[in-house]
């Protein structure tokens, strides 16, 4: 089992607000949990257990202010977390994990399987969703034009990623492009950053024992102000299909 606990942080930074929180394990975090999500005795957030065709959500218990009410623009924000995926097979798994910013906790209308617990067949792609997500996707969804079965994607209101790349990182020591396997069972660290001034989203991935790479895996120029409401909820979503898979957030 993956027992090492590390730190998850999320902060929104602006003149009007300065909010930061950190969890070194989730035993006392009082997270909102639903469906098959739970916290293990050693403090890991286990979004899915070995249950087929199901989903799980784990959300920070309070809403967060993401916009400056005076000009309706989204603050800069960032989060760092460590995840791991353990499957009964070395080359097959459930559908993956997503970091999500959403209007509600738990996304009550969402479905498992290819919808990642984020959307359903009728609402994926709707502008009224007001959802920003970063998917760590391990099943290629042809209906969503997924690039492969091992990728990272930036999702806005639906599962057709605005930008995606195979799971990998740029080695901070030599700049080489190194491939990663999301379902390896090994813990990996993710950085999601939004620059409110430059309207840029950066997503960076690396093994847990590697310093943050200097070059993000994904960069997308996009203003999140039309997407996010003034107050939102942040958390994680995951889903399974017919292969028994446990999706963890370690911290």
Protein backbone atom coordinates (compact mmCIF):
# COMPACT_ATOMS: atom_id res chain seq x y z
CA UNK A 1 0.00 0.00 0.00
CA UNK A 2 1.03 3.61 -0.51
CA UNK A 3 1.48 4.93 3.00
CA UNK A 4 3.62 8.00 2.60
CA UNK A 5 1.62 11.14 3.31
CA UNK A 6 2.59 14.40 1.72
CA UNK A 7 1.03 17.83 1.61
CA UNK A 8 -1.86 19.12 -0.45
CA UNK A 9 -2.18 22.87 -0.61
CA UNK A 10 -4.52 25.24 -2.34
CA UNK A 11 -4.40 28.99 -2.20
CA UNK A 12 -6.19 31.90 -3.82
CA UNK A 13 -4.21 35.10 -3.74
CA UNK A 14 -5.42 38.63 -4.44
CA UNK A 15 -5.65 41.97 -2.71
CA UNK A 16 -9.21 41.19 -1.62
CA UNK A 17 -8.55 37.66 -0.37
CA UNK A 18 -5.73 35.54 0.95
CA UNK A 19 -6.84 31.96 1.61
CA UNK A 20 -4.57 28.96 2.02
CA UNK A 21 -5.10 25.48 3.40
CA UNK A 22 -2.91 22.41 3.72
CA UNK A 23 -3.72 18.77 4.50
CA UNK A 24 -0.99 16.37 5.53
CA UNK A 25 -3.37 13.43 5.38
CA UNK A 26 -7.17 13.62 5.57
CA UNK A 27 -8.19 11.93 8.83
CA UNK A 28 -9.35 15.16 10.47
CA UNK A 29 -10.06 17.16 7.31
CA UNK A 30 -13.87 16.84 7.56
CA UNK A 31 -14.11 16.44 3.79
CA UNK A 32 -17.40 16.11 1.97
CA UNK A 33 -17.43 12.49 0.74
CA UNK A 34 -20.00 10.64 -1.32
CA UNK A 35 -20.67 7.36 -3.13
CA UNK A 36 -17.69 5.02 -2.59
CA UNK A 37 -15.17 7.67 -1.47
CA UNK A 38 -13.67 7.42 2.00
CA UNK A 39 -10.62 8.12 4.13
CA UNK A 40 -8.43 5.15 5.01
CA UNK A 41 -7.26 4.53 8.60
CA UNK A 42 -3.83 5.94 7.69
CA UNK A 43 -5.28 9.16 6.28
CA UNK A 44 -5.39 8.62 2.51
CA UNK A 45 -8.35 9.87 0.49
CA UNK A 46 -9.57 6.80 -1.40
CA UNK A 47 -11.92 8.07 -4.09
CA UNK A 48 -12.79 4.63 -5.44
CA UNK A 49 -12.44 1.19 -3.95
CA UNK A 50 -12.60 -2.15 -5.68
CA UNK A 51 -16.17 -1.60 -6.83
CA UNK A 52 -17.13 -1.76 -10.50
CA UNK A 53 -18.85 1.04 -12.43
CA UNK A 54 -19.03 3.50 -9.57
CA UNK A 55 -17.71 6.91 -8.58
CA UNK A 56 -16.48 8.89 -5.62
CA UNK A 57 -15.97 12.54 -4.68
CA UNK A 58 -13.96 14.23 -1.97
CA UNK A 59 -14.44 18.00 -1.55
CA UNK A 60 -13.10 20.67 0.77
CA UNK A 61 -15.95 21.27 3.25
CA UNK A 62 -16.38 25.02 2.64
CA UNK A 63 -17.00 27.12 -0.44
CA UNK A 64 -14.16 29.35 -1.65
CA UNK A 65 -14.32 32.84 -3.12
CA UNK A 66 -12.72 32.73 -6.57
CA UNK A 67 -13.71 36.13 -7.94
CA UNK A 68 -13.13 39.74 -7.15
CA UNK A 69 -16.67 41.07 -6.72
CA UNK A 70 -15.65 44.56 -7.85
CA UNK A 71 -14.58 43.53 -11.37
CA UNK A 72 -15.83 39.92 -11.71
CA UNK A 73 -12.38 38.51 -12.50
CA UNK A 74 -10.97 35.25 -11.13
CA UNK A 75 -8.14 35.48 -8.61
CA UNK A 76 -4.86 33.71 -9.19
CA UNK A 77 -4.87 30.32 -7.49
CA UNK A 78 -2.76 27.18 -7.25
CA UNK A 79 -2.96 23.68 -5.83
CA UNK A 80 -0.49 20.86 -5.31
CA UNK A 81 -1.47 17.26 -4.61
CA UNK A 82 -0.16 13.71 -4.79
CA UNK A 83 -2.19 10.85 -6.26
CA UNK A 84 -1.76 7.16 -7.05
CA UNK A 85 -3.78 4.60 -8.98
CA UNK A 86 -3.72 0.90 -8.09
CA UNK A 87 -5.42 -1.59 -10.39
CA UNK A 88 -5.89 -5.36 -10.35
CA UNK A 89 -4.11 -5.41 -13.73
CA UNK A 90 -0.87 -3.79 -14.83
CA UNK A 91 -2.26 -2.48 -18.13
CA UNK A 92 -5.95 -1.81 -17.34
CA UNK A 93 -7.70 0.35 -14.78
CA UNK A 94 -10.67 2.54 -14.00
CA UNK A 95 -11.16 5.86 -15.71
CA UNK A 96 -8.89 8.08 -13.63
CA UNK A 97 -8.91 11.06 -11.30
CA UNK A 98 -9.82 14.72 -11.76
CA UNK A 99 -9.11 17.81 -9.71
CA UNK A 100 -12.26 19.88 -10.00
CA UNK A 101 -13.61 23.34 -9.25
CA UNK A 102 -17.42 23.21 -9.35
CA UNK A 103 -20.50 25.13 -8.19
CA UNK A 104 -21.62 22.28 -5.91
CA UNK A 105 -20.04 19.57 -3.82
CA UNK A 106 -20.36 16.10 -5.19
CA UNK A 107 -21.68 16.96 -8.68
CA UNK A 108 -25.01 15.21 -8.00
CA UNK A 109 -26.01 14.65 -11.64
CA UNK A 110 -22.67 13.14 -12.70
CA UNK A 111 -22.14 9.55 -13.84
CA UNK A 112 -19.24 7.08 -13.43
CA UNK A 113 -17.33 5.23 -16.17
CA UNK A 114 -16.21 7.57 -18.98
CA UNK A 115 -17.83 10.60 -17.33
CA UNK A 116 -15.27 10.54 -14.49
CA UNK A 117 -17.93 11.49 -11.96
CA UNK A 118 -17.91 15.01 -13.46
CA UNK A 119 -20.72 15.12 -16.02
CA UNK A 120 -23.38 13.00 -17.71
CA UNK A 121 -24.38 12.32 -21.31
CA UNK A 122 -26.79 15.24 -21.52
CA UNK A 123 -24.79 17.98 -19.79
CA UNK A 124 -21.17 17.43 -20.84
CA UNK A 125 -20.11 20.47 -22.84
CA UNK A 126 -22.84 22.78 -21.49
CA UNK A 127 -21.69 26.31 -20.63
CA UNK A 128 -24.10 26.29 -17.68
CA UNK A 129 -21.95 23.69 -15.87
CA UNK A 130 -19.37 26.25 -14.66
CA UNK A 131 -16.81 23.49 -14.07
CA UNK A 132 -13.02 23.63 -14.40
CA UNK A 133 -11.16 20.34 -14.09
CA UNK A 134 -7.79 18.76 -14.69
CA UNK A 135 -8.19 15.10 -15.64
CA UNK A 136 -5.66 12.32 -15.15
CA UNK A 137 -7.33 10.02 -17.63
CA UNK A 138 -6.45 6.34 -18.11
CA UNK A 139 -9.19 5.18 -20.52
CA UNK A 140 -9.44 6.62 -24.07
CA UNK A 141 -12.93 8.02 -24.60
CA UNK A 142 -13.48 8.10 -28.36
CA UNK A 143 -16.58 10.26 -27.97
CA UNK A 144 -14.39 12.88 -26.25
CA UNK A 145 -11.48 12.65 -28.73
CA UNK A 146 -9.07 11.53 -26.02
CA UNK A 147 -5.51 11.35 -27.29
CA UNK A 148 -4.62 8.04 -25.57
CA UNK A 149 -5.16 5.95 -22.44
CA UNK A 150 -2.55 7.79 -20.37
CA UNK A 151 -2.98 11.55 -20.53
CA UNK A 152 -3.52 14.78 -18.65
CA UNK A 153 -6.19 17.19 -19.86
CA UNK A 154 -7.63 20.61 -19.03
CA UNK A 155 -11.43 20.43 -19.10
CA UNK A 156 -13.87 23.32 -19.26
CA UNK A 157 -17.55 22.41 -18.74
CA UNK A 158 -17.11 19.04 -20.46
CA UNK A 159 -14.85 16.11 -21.24
CA UNK A 160 -13.56 17.32 -24.60
CA UNK A 161 -10.29 18.63 -23.17
CA UNK A 162 -9.28 22.14 -24.22
CA UNK A 163 -5.70 20.91 -24.16
CA UNK A 164 -4.16 17.52 -23.39
CA UNK A 165 -0.80 15.78 -23.39
CA UNK A 166 0.51 12.27 -22.70
CA UNK A 167 1.46 11.84 -19.04
CA UNK A 168 5.08 12.95 -18.72
CA UNK A 169 7.37 15.57 -17.23
CA UNK A 170 10.38 17.65 -18.14
CA UNK A 171 13.28 16.58 -15.95
CA UNK A 172 14.28 19.65 -13.90
CA UNK A 173 17.94 18.63 -14.04
CA UNK A 174 18.40 18.18 -17.78
CA UNK A 175 15.09 19.21 -19.38
CA UNK A 176 14.52 15.80 -20.96
CA UNK A 177 10.95 14.70 -21.62
CA UNK A 178 10.25 11.67 -19.44
CA UNK A 179 7.15 9.51 -19.87
CA UNK A 180 5.02 8.48 -16.89
CA UNK A 181 2.40 5.75 -16.49
CA UNK A 182 -0.59 6.97 -14.50
CA UNK A 183 -1.69 3.46 -13.49
CA UNK A 184 1.74 2.36 -12.30
CA UNK A 185 0.68 2.52 -8.66
CA UNK A 186 3.53 4.96 -7.99
CA UNK A 187 2.73 8.29 -6.30
CA UNK A 188 2.94 11.33 -8.56
CA UNK A 189 2.68 15.02 -7.81
CA UNK A 190 0.53 17.51 -9.71
CA UNK A 191 0.68 21.31 -9.73
CA UNK A 192 -2.32 23.23 -11.09
CA UNK A 193 -1.79 26.99 -11.34
CA UNK A 194 -3.89 29.84 -12.69
CA UNK A 195 -2.37 33.25 -13.30
CA UNK A 196 -5.25 35.70 -13.04
CA UNK A 197 -3.28 38.60 -14.49
CA UNK A 198 -2.09 36.76 -17.60
CA UNK A 199 -5.14 34.44 -17.85
CA UNK A 200 -2.96 31.34 -18.06
CA UNK A 201 -3.44 27.80 -16.75
CA UNK A 202 -0.33 25.66 -16.12
CA UNK A 203 -0.40 21.97 -15.21
CA UNK A 204 2.78 20.19 -14.17
CA UNK A 205 3.31 16.51 -13.36
CA UNK A 206 6.27 14.66 -11.84
CA UNK A 207 7.17 11.62 -9.74
CA UNK A 208 6.95 12.30 -6.03
CA UNK A 209 10.74 12.27 -5.57
CA UNK A 210 11.39 14.83 -8.34
CA UNK A 211 11.45 18.59 -7.78
CA UNK A 212 8.91 20.66 -9.63
CA UNK A 213 9.91 20.81 -13.32
CA UNK A 214 10.72 24.24 -14.71
CA UNK A 215 8.49 23.64 -17.77
CA UNK A 216 4.79 22.74 -17.31
CA UNK A 217 3.37 19.75 -19.15
CA UNK A 218 0.37 21.84 -20.23
CA UNK A 219 -0.08 25.60 -20.64
CA UNK A 220 -3.32 27.17 -21.84
CA UNK A 221 -4.19 30.83 -22.23
CA UNK A 222 -7.80 31.04 -21.08
CA UNK A 223 -9.76 33.50 -18.96
CA UNK A 224 -11.61 31.53 -16.28
CA UNK A 225 -13.78 34.51 -15.34
CA UNK A 226 -16.73 33.45 -17.57
CA UNK A 227 -16.40 29.87 -16.30
CA UNK A 228 -16.22 30.17 -12.51
CA UNK A 229 -18.83 31.67 -10.23
CA UNK A 230 -17.90 34.04 -7.42
CA UNK A 231 -17.90 31.17 -4.90
CA UNK A 232 -17.02 27.61 -5.84
CA UNK A 233 -16.16 24.23 -4.33
CA UNK A 234 -12.86 22.41 -4.85
CA UNK A 235 -12.14 18.72 -4.64
CA UNK A 236 -11.51 15.48 -6.49
CA UNK A 237 -13.61 13.13 -8.57
CA UNK A 238 -12.95 9.60 -9.83
CA UNK A 239 -14.78 6.71 -11.44
CA UNK A 240 -14.37 3.04 -12.26
CA UNK A 241 -15.62 0.68 -14.93
CA UNK A 242 -15.31 -3.15 -15.02
CA UNK A 243 -11.70 -3.32 -13.76
CA UNK A 244 -11.23 -3.15 -9.98
CA UNK A 245 -9.28 0.05 -9.33
CA UNK A 246 -8.48 2.17 -6.29
CA UNK A 247 -7.78 5.86 -6.91
CA UNK A 248 -5.99 7.62 -4.06
CA UNK A 249 -5.10 11.17 -3.14
CA UNK A 250 -2.21 10.77 -0.69
CA UNK A 251 -2.20 14.35 0.50
